[in-house]
Amino acid sequence: MPRNKHKRKAVSHAKPKSLKRLKSKGVMASHPKVFVLLGLLFVALGVSLLVFKSQYNAMFGFAMLSIIVGSVTAIFASFSVPKKKTD
């Protein structure tokens, strides 16, 4: 009779099924450079509206909204741009 009667259970080291499914990345995370350019385009549109069409109240509001949305989009997309490693 062997001395060591207690044997270890074989444990599978596979990940659970819930962890196997990867969350899909968002559109901004998958194409960050496009969204940086899109944000800068919105900022340029807003500035041009302020310069040339600033006499109308509706255009002033649209210009400010465009500048805010463009800058927020460009900032969030710039966080998603992959950094270059300097090794």
C-alpha atoms as a PDB file:
ATOM      1  CA  MET A   1       0.000   0.000   0.000  1.00  0.00           C
ATOM      2  CA  PRO A   2       1.454   3.386  -0.940  1.00  0.00           C
ATOM      3  CA  ARG A   3       2.328   5.844   1.770  1.00  0.00           C
ATOM      4  CA  ASN A   4       0.820   8.818   0.036  1.00  0.00           C
ATOM      5  CA  LYS A   5      -2.850   8.001  -0.432  1.00  0.00           C
ATOM      6  CA  HIS A   6      -3.994  11.551  -1.196  1.00  0.00           C
ATOM      7  CA  LYS A   7      -3.476  12.381  -4.816  1.00  0.00           C
ATOM      8  CA  ARG A   8      -3.862  15.796  -6.328  1.00  0.00           C
ATOM      9  CA  LYS A   9      -6.724  16.430  -8.648  1.00  0.00           C
ATOM     10  CA  ALA A  10      -5.796  17.261 -12.187  1.00  0.00           C
ATOM     11  CA  VAL A  11      -6.726  20.873 -12.738  1.00  0.00           C
ATOM     12  CA  SER A  12      -7.204  22.204 -16.206  1.00  0.00           C
ATOM     13  CA  HIS A  13      -5.393  25.459 -16.724  1.00  0.00           C
ATOM     14  CA  ALA A  14      -7.718  26.607 -19.468  1.00  0.00           C
ATOM     15  CA  LYS A  15      -9.405  29.964 -19.060  1.00  0.00           C
ATOM     16  CA  PRO A  16     -13.097  29.972 -18.269  1.00  0.00           C
ATOM     17  CA  LYS A  17     -15.460  30.392 -21.181  1.00  0.00           C
ATOM     18  CA  SER A  18     -16.539  33.820 -19.995  1.00  0.00           C
ATOM     19  CA  LEU A  19     -12.977  35.122 -20.262  1.00  0.00           C
ATOM     20  CA  LYS A  20     -12.379  33.597 -23.675  1.00  0.00           C
ATOM     21  CA  ARG A  21     -14.790  36.008 -25.335  1.00  0.00           C
ATOM     22  CA  LEU A  22     -12.908  39.210 -25.926  1.00  0.00           C
ATOM     23  CA  LYS A  23     -14.704  42.488 -25.799  1.00  0.00           C
ATOM     24  CA  SER A  24     -14.703  44.128 -29.173  1.00  0.00           C
ATOM     25  CA  LYS A  25     -12.740  47.320 -29.367  1.00  0.00           C
ATOM     26  CA  GLY A  26     -14.612  50.454 -30.214  1.00  0.00           C
ATOM     27  CA  VAL A  27     -14.338  52.239 -33.505  1.00  0.00           C
ATOM     28  CA  MET A  28     -12.266  55.032 -31.991  1.00  0.00           C
ATOM     29  CA  ALA A  29      -9.807  52.554 -30.495  1.00  0.00           C
ATOM     30  CA  SER A  30      -9.410  50.654 -33.739  1.00  0.00           C
ATOM     31  CA  HIS A  31      -8.931  53.753 -35.971  1.00  0.00           C
ATOM     32  CA  PRO A  32      -7.513  56.486 -33.706  1.00  0.00           C
ATOM     33  CA  LYS A  33      -5.664  58.492 -36.374  1.00  0.00           C
ATOM     34  CA  VAL A  34      -8.838  58.930 -38.413  1.00  0.00           C
ATOM     35  CA  PHE A  35     -10.677  60.276 -35.380  1.00  0.00           C
ATOM     36  CA  VAL A  36      -7.837  62.657 -34.510  1.00  0.00           C
ATOM     37  CA  LEU A  37      -8.083  64.079 -38.027  1.00  0.00           C
ATOM     38  CA  LEU A  38     -11.882  64.194 -37.776  1.00  0.00           C
ATOM     39  CA  GLY A  39     -11.657  66.088 -34.489  1.00  0.00           C
ATOM     40  CA  LEU A  40      -9.217  68.584 -35.978  1.00  0.00           C
ATOM     41  CA  LEU A  41     -11.564  68.988 -38.949  1.00  0.00           C
ATOM     42  CA  PHE A  42     -14.408  69.868 -36.571  1.00  0.00           C
ATOM     43  CA  VAL A  43     -12.201  72.407 -34.803  1.00  0.00           C
ATOM     44  CA  ALA A  44     -11.217  73.980 -38.137  1.00  0.00           C
ATOM     45  CA  LEU A  45     -14.883  74.093 -39.176  1.00  0.00           C
ATOM     46  CA  GLY A  46     -15.810  75.814 -35.933  1.00  0.00           C
ATOM     47  CA  VAL A  47     -13.047  78.381 -36.244  1.00  0.00           C
ATOM     48  CA  SER A  48     -13.997  79.134 -39.848  1.00  0.00           C
ATOM     49  CA  LEU A  49     -17.633  79.579 -38.828  1.00  0.00           C
ATOM     50  CA  LEU A  50     -16.575  81.965 -36.076  1.00  0.00           C
ATOM     51  CA  VAL A  51     -14.478  84.012 -38.468  1.00  0.00           C
ATOM     52  CA  PHE A  52     -16.846  84.230 -41.433  1.00  0.00           C
ATOM     53  CA  LYS A  53     -20.386  83.690 -40.068  1.00  0.00           C
ATOM     54  CA  SER A  54     -20.171  85.045 -36.527  1.00  0.00           C
ATOM     55  CA  GLN A  55     -22.952  87.641 -36.999  1.00  0.00           C
ATOM     56  CA  TYR A  56     -25.692  84.986 -36.708  1.00  0.00           C
ATOM     57  CA  ASN A  57     -26.492  83.598 -33.265  1.00  0.00           C
ATOM     58  CA  ALA A  58     -27.243  80.122 -34.615  1.00  0.00           C
ATOM     59  CA  MET A  59     -23.907  79.968 -36.442  1.00  0.00           C
ATOM     60  CA  PHE A  60     -22.085  81.121 -33.317  1.00  0.00           C
ATOM     61  CA  GLY A  61     -23.650  78.308 -31.299  1.00  0.00           C
ATOM     62  CA  PHE A  62     -22.925  75.755 -33.999  1.00  0.00           C
ATOM     63  CA  ALA A  63     -19.326  76.979 -34.208  1.00  0.00           C
ATOM     64  CA  MET A  64     -18.821  76.622 -30.466  1.00  0.00           C
ATOM     65  CA  LEU A  65     -20.437  73.201 -30.454  1.00  0.00           C
ATOM     66  CA  SER A  66     -18.220  72.127 -33.337  1.00  0.00           C
ATOM     67  CA  ILE A  67     -15.067  73.333 -31.569  1.00  0.00           C
ATOM     68  CA  ILE A  68     -15.980  71.547 -28.335  1.00  0.00           C
ATOM     69  CA  VAL A  69     -16.944  68.260 -30.019  1.00  0.00           C
ATOM     70  CA  GLY A  70     -13.861  68.362 -32.236  1.00  0.00           C
ATOM     71  CA  SER A  71     -11.435  69.015 -29.408  1.00  0.00           C
ATOM     72  CA  VAL A  72     -12.941  66.300 -27.195  1.00  0.00           C
ATOM     73  CA  THR A  73     -12.873  63.812 -30.072  1.00  0.00           C
ATOM     74  CA  ALA A  74      -9.268  64.637 -30.916  1.00  0.00           C
ATOM     75  CA  ILE A  75      -8.151  64.350 -27.274  1.00  0.00           C
ATOM     76  CA  PHE A  76      -9.859  60.991 -26.687  1.00  0.00           C
ATOM     77  CA  ALA A  77      -8.580  59.600 -29.968  1.00  0.00           C
ATOM     78  CA  SER A  78      -5.038  60.757 -29.191  1.00  0.00           C
ATOM     79  CA  PHE A  79      -5.124  58.632 -26.034  1.00  0.00           C
ATOM     80  CA  SER A  80      -5.796  55.580 -28.219  1.00  0.00           C
ATOM     81  CA  VAL A  81      -2.898  56.164 -30.631  1.00  0.00           C
ATOM     82  CA  PRO A  82      -0.243  53.481 -30.035  1.00  0.00           C
ATOM     83  CA  LYS A  83       2.964  54.861 -28.600  1.00  0.00           C
ATOM     84  CA  LYS A  84       6.269  54.123 -30.313  1.00  0.00           C
ATOM     85  CA  LYS A  85       8.767  52.242 -28.196  1.00  0.00           C
ATOM     86  CA  THR A  86      12.254  53.755 -28.136  1.00  0.00           C
ATOM     87  CA  ASP A  87      14.417  50.723 -27.431  1.00  0.00           C
END
